[in-house]
Protein backbone atom coordinates (compact mmCIF):
# COMPACT_ATOMS: atom_id res chain seq x y z
CA MET A 1 1.90 -0.30 -20.33
CA ARG A 2 1.02 -3.22 -22.59
CA ASP A 3 3.74 -2.41 -25.12
CA GLU A 4 6.46 -2.09 -22.49
CA GLY A 5 5.16 -5.12 -20.67
CA ALA A 6 5.82 -7.17 -23.80
CA THR A 7 9.54 -6.62 -23.27
CA ASP A 8 9.88 -5.99 -19.52
CA PRO A 9 8.83 -8.94 -17.34
CA ARG A 10 8.45 -6.70 -14.29
CA LEU A 11 5.24 -5.35 -15.81
CA GLU A 12 3.78 -8.76 -16.65
CA THR A 13 1.77 -9.48 -13.53
CA ARG A 14 -1.78 -10.24 -12.55
CA TYR A 15 -1.35 -7.84 -9.65
CA LEU A 16 -2.26 -4.86 -11.81
CA HIS A 17 -5.95 -4.37 -12.52
CA THR A 18 -8.07 -1.45 -13.73
CA PHE A 19 -11.74 -0.96 -12.91
CA ASP A 20 -13.20 1.32 -15.56
CA ASP A 21 -16.99 1.09 -15.37
CA GLU A 22 -19.69 3.71 -15.84
CA ARG A 23 -18.95 5.47 -12.58
CA PRO A 24 -16.81 8.64 -12.57
CA GLY A 25 -13.10 7.96 -12.43
CA SER A 26 -11.28 4.70 -13.10
CA VAL A 27 -9.42 2.78 -10.40
CA THR A 28 -6.16 0.92 -11.00
CA LEU A 29 -4.98 -1.36 -8.22
CA VAL A 30 -1.27 -2.15 -8.10
CA GLY A 31 -0.40 -5.09 -5.85
CA VAL A 32 3.10 -4.89 -4.40
CA VAL A 33 5.80 -6.87 -2.65
CA HIS A 34 6.94 -4.22 -0.22
CA ASP A 35 10.35 -2.68 -1.02
CA HIS A 36 11.08 -5.13 -3.85
CA PRO A 37 13.00 -3.52 -6.77
CA ALA A 38 10.69 -5.10 -9.39
CA THR A 39 7.68 -3.73 -7.54
CA VAL A 40 9.26 -0.27 -7.24
CA PHE A 41 9.86 -0.24 -11.01
CA ARG A 42 6.28 -1.37 -11.80
CA VAL A 43 4.67 1.15 -9.47
CA ARG A 44 6.75 3.99 -10.89
CA ARG A 45 5.82 3.07 -14.47
CA ALA A 46 2.13 2.66 -13.63
CA VAL A 47 1.90 6.08 -12.01
CA GLU A 48 3.93 7.78 -14.75
CA GLN A 49 1.85 6.33 -17.57
CA LEU A 50 -1.61 6.52 -15.96
CA SER A 51 -1.05 9.99 -14.46
CA PRO A 52 -3.89 9.66 -11.93
CA ALA A 53 -5.77 12.55 -10.38
CA VAL A 54 -5.46 10.79 -7.03
CA LEU A 55 -2.67 8.61 -5.70
CA ALA A 56 -3.96 6.29 -2.96
CA LEU A 57 -1.42 4.53 -0.77
CA GLU A 58 -1.68 1.75 1.76
CA LEU A 59 -0.43 4.04 4.47
CA PRO A 60 -2.04 5.66 7.49
CA PRO A 61 -2.85 9.33 6.76
CA LEU A 62 -0.47 10.34 9.55
CA ALA A 63 2.44 8.64 7.76
CA VAL A 64 1.99 10.22 4.33
CA PRO A 65 3.81 13.54 5.06
CA LEU A 66 7.02 11.69 5.96
CA TYR A 67 6.98 9.74 2.69
CA GLU A 68 6.22 12.95 0.78
CA ALA A 69 9.12 14.74 2.47
CA HIS A 70 11.62 12.04 1.54
CA ALA A 71 10.23 11.80 -2.00
CA ALA A 72 10.60 15.59 -2.41
CA ASP A 73 14.22 15.38 -1.20
CA GLY A 74 14.94 12.76 -3.87
CA THR A 75 15.54 9.91 -1.41
CA ASP A 76 16.14 6.62 -3.25
CA PRO A 77 12.93 4.60 -2.66
CA LEU A 78 15.04 1.50 -2.05
CA THR A 79 16.64 3.37 0.85
CA PHE A 80 13.39 4.62 2.36
CA GLY A 81 9.82 4.63 1.13
CA GLY A 82 9.90 1.65 -1.22
CA GLU A 83 7.06 1.54 -3.73
CA MET A 84 5.17 4.26 -1.80
CA GLY A 85 8.05 6.68 -2.20
CA ALA A 86 8.49 5.74 -5.85
CA ALA A 87 4.78 6.35 -6.50
CA ILE A 88 4.92 9.80 -4.91
CA GLN A 89 8.03 10.74 -6.89
CA ALA A 90 6.39 9.62 -10.15
CA ALA A 91 3.04 11.35 -9.55
CA ASP A 92 2.03 14.60 -11.25
CA THR A 93 -0.72 15.12 -8.70
CA ASP A 94 -0.48 16.64 -5.24
CA ASP A 95 -3.57 14.64 -4.20
CA VAL A 96 -1.76 11.88 -2.32
CA VAL A 97 -3.92 10.06 0.20
CA GLY A 98 -3.27 7.44 2.85
CA ILE A 99 -6.17 4.99 2.73
CA ASP A 100 -5.19 2.61 5.54
CA GLY A 101 -5.95 2.87 9.24
CA PRO A 102 -5.63 4.15 11.81
CA SER A 103 -7.90 7.12 11.18
CA LEU A 104 -11.16 8.38 12.62
CA ALA A 105 -13.17 6.61 9.89
CA PHE A 106 -11.24 3.39 10.57
CA TYR A 107 -11.95 3.60 14.31
CA ARG A 108 -15.66 4.16 13.62
CA ARG A 109 -15.78 1.08 11.40
CA LEU A 110 -13.87 -0.93 13.98
CA THR A 111 -16.25 0.09 16.77
CA ALA A 112 -19.26 -0.90 14.68
CA ARG A 113 -17.72 -4.27 13.86
CA PHE A 114 -16.87 -5.00 17.48
CA ALA A 115 -20.45 -4.17 18.44
CA THR A 116 -21.82 -6.49 15.77
CA GLU A 117 -19.46 -9.47 16.06
CA ARG A 118 -18.56 -9.26 19.77
CA PRO A 119 -15.17 -10.99 19.45
CA SER A 120 -13.79 -12.88 22.42
CA ALA A 121 -11.79 -10.97 25.00
CA ALA A 122 -8.57 -12.68 23.87
CA THR A 123 -9.18 -11.82 20.21
CA ALA A 124 -10.05 -8.22 21.06
CA GLU A 125 -6.96 -7.86 23.25
CA LYS A 126 -4.61 -9.17 20.52
CA PHE A 127 -6.28 -6.97 17.91
CA LEU A 128 -6.04 -3.83 20.04
CA ARG A 129 -2.43 -4.57 20.96
CA GLY A 130 -1.53 -4.77 17.27
CA LEU A 131 -3.54 -1.66 16.49
CA GLY A 132 -1.74 0.19 19.27
CA SER A 133 1.63 -0.70 17.69
CA VAL A 134 0.49 0.50 14.27
CA THR A 135 -0.89 3.72 15.73
CA SER A 136 2.40 4.36 17.55
CA THR A 137 4.32 3.91 14.29
CA ALA A 138 1.97 6.28 12.45
CA VAL A 139 2.43 8.94 15.12
CA SER A 140 6.21 8.48 14.93
CA CYS A 141 6.03 9.03 11.17
CA ARG A 142 4.10 12.26 11.69
CA LEU A 143 6.63 13.51 14.25
CA ALA A 144 9.50 12.56 11.94
CA ALA A 145 7.84 14.50 9.12
CA THR A 146 7.69 17.56 11.36
CA VAL A 147 11.39 17.22 12.18
CA THR A 148 12.19 16.86 8.47
CA ARG A 149 10.22 20.00 7.64
CA LEU A 150 11.62 22.20 10.42
CA THR A 151 15.25 21.02 10.70
CA PRO A 152 18.12 19.87 8.45
CA PHE A 153 17.57 16.30 9.65
CA SER A 154 15.64 13.65 7.70
CA PRO A 155 14.76 10.83 10.08
CA THR A 156 13.14 7.61 8.91
CA VAL A 157 10.78 5.28 10.73
CA GLY A 158 10.74 1.50 10.59
CA SER A 159 12.95 -0.86 8.63
CA LYS A 160 12.93 -1.90 5.01
CA THR A 161 12.85 -5.41 3.62
CA THR A 162 15.92 -6.57 1.73
CA TYR A 163 16.12 -9.13 -1.07
CA ASP A 164 18.75 -11.05 -3.01
CA VAL A 165 18.28 -8.76 -6.01
CA SER A 166 18.80 -5.05 -6.57
CA ALA A 167 17.64 -2.42 -9.05
CA SER A 168 20.85 -2.96 -11.03
CA ASP A 169 20.06 -6.62 -11.71
CA PRO A 170 18.54 -7.60 -15.09
CA PRO A 171 14.73 -7.16 -15.25
CA ALA A 172 14.20 -10.90 -15.75
CA ARG A 173 16.11 -11.70 -12.55
CA GLN A 174 14.18 -9.09 -10.60
CA ALA A 175 10.85 -10.42 -11.91
CA ALA A 176 11.79 -14.03 -11.13
CA ASP A 177 12.75 -13.14 -7.58
CA GLU A 178 9.51 -11.20 -7.09
CA ASP A 179 7.55 -14.23 -8.34
CA ARG A 180 9.37 -16.38 -5.77
CA GLN A 181 8.44 -13.95 -3.00
CA ILE A 182 4.80 -14.01 -4.14
CA ASP A 183 4.74 -17.82 -4.32
CA ALA A 184 6.26 -18.13 -0.85
CA ALA A 185 3.82 -15.63 0.68
CA THR A 186 0.85 -17.31 -1.01
CA ALA A 187 1.96 -20.75 0.18
CA VAL A 188 2.11 -19.53 3.77
CA LEU A 189 -1.34 -17.97 3.53
CA ASP A 190 -2.78 -21.15 2.03
CA ALA A 191 -1.11 -23.45 4.56
CA PHE A 192 -2.15 -21.71 7.76
CA GLU A 193 -5.49 -20.35 8.86
CA SER A 194 -5.24 -16.76 10.08
CA PRO A 195 -5.80 -16.25 13.81
CA PRO A 196 -9.10 -14.49 14.60
CA ALA A 197 -7.37 -11.23 15.54
CA SER A 198 -5.39 -11.16 12.26
CA ARG A 199 -8.46 -11.98 10.21
CA LEU A 200 -10.47 -9.27 11.97
CA ARG A 201 -7.76 -6.69 11.38
CA SER A 202 -7.26 -7.59 7.70
CA GLU A 203 -10.97 -7.60 6.90
CA THR A 204 -11.55 -4.31 8.71
CA ARG A 205 -8.62 -2.68 6.91
CA GLU A 206 -9.78 -3.97 3.52
CA ALA A 207 -13.35 -2.78 4.02
CA HIS A 208 -12.02 0.62 5.08
CA MET A 209 -9.61 0.89 2.12
CA ALA A 210 -12.29 -0.15 -0.37
CA ASP A 211 -14.62 2.55 0.91
CA ARG A 212 -11.85 5.15 0.73
CA ILE A 213 -11.08 4.17 -2.89
CA ARG A 214 -14.75 4.43 -3.85
CA ASP A 215 -14.92 7.90 -2.32
CA LEU A 216 -11.69 9.05 -3.98
CA ARG A 217 -12.76 8.10 -7.51
CA ARG A 218 -15.25 10.96 -7.40
CA ARG A 219 -12.20 13.23 -7.68
CA GLY A 220 -10.95 11.54 -10.87
CA ASP A 221 -8.85 8.54 -11.91
CA VAL A 222 -7.20 6.74 -8.99
CA VAL A 223 -4.09 4.59 -8.76
CA ALA A 224 -4.08 2.63 -5.49
CA VAL A 225 -0.86 0.98 -4.30
CA VAL A 226 -1.59 -1.88 -1.90
CA GLY A 227 0.20 -4.86 -0.44
CA LEU A 228 -0.03 -8.17 -2.24
CA GLY A 229 -2.11 -9.75 0.51
CA HIS A 230 -4.83 -7.12 0.13
CA PHE A 231 -4.98 -7.11 -3.67
CA ASP A 232 -7.49 -9.93 -4.29
CA PRO A 233 -9.81 -9.01 -1.39
CA LEU A 234 -9.88 -5.38 -2.57
CA CYS A 235 -10.59 -6.46 -6.13
CA GLU A 236 -13.54 -8.51 -4.87
CA ARG A 237 -14.89 -5.63 -2.80
CA LEU A 238 -14.54 -3.12 -5.64
CA GLU A 239 -16.18 -5.47 -8.15
CA ARG A 240 -19.22 -5.64 -5.89
């Protein structure tokens, strides 16, 4: 990727990092701006060139079959699936894993954290309300995957993010727009302190995803596709 990165600015990013220590299997984290064409290109190239044994996606396990179904049908990732769909289409492996919650392991971690930290009733209520929404979406994805498999219909779930650039724009323009999205998101994160419920959810998700990545590397090299906001925290957890 270094040679191509010298000419394609979409590959020149700090949000691409490989951990290759003495443990079995390397881990490459790819930080993404969801549904952005520059991100979709970078994820596709990373998966093609690294050819991992395991593709780990920031998706609930229940949602993965729907993304796999659309990828198998050749759905344009910029129509549905974004960088997750592009990664699945580019992968040689069938070992595609959703590493985000909700899952049984995620709920176990959450229960233990609630018991240890004892968040306020208001924080717990907001957290559980958000978790309920995410769980509902994951279940909807699983049902949509069943419909896709058993009928001629190919439903989608959720909405995609749109930008002022497209895959047909020059690479430099795509990369510049992605940088603007990253700068804007980072500025918001730096300017405002996360509410307790949001912080609790993010930290629980990141701890869960880091553990899943550590487990998966026993099966071989891993490429993990994660949202930009989780990239640095996951790097820190994996470096420990």
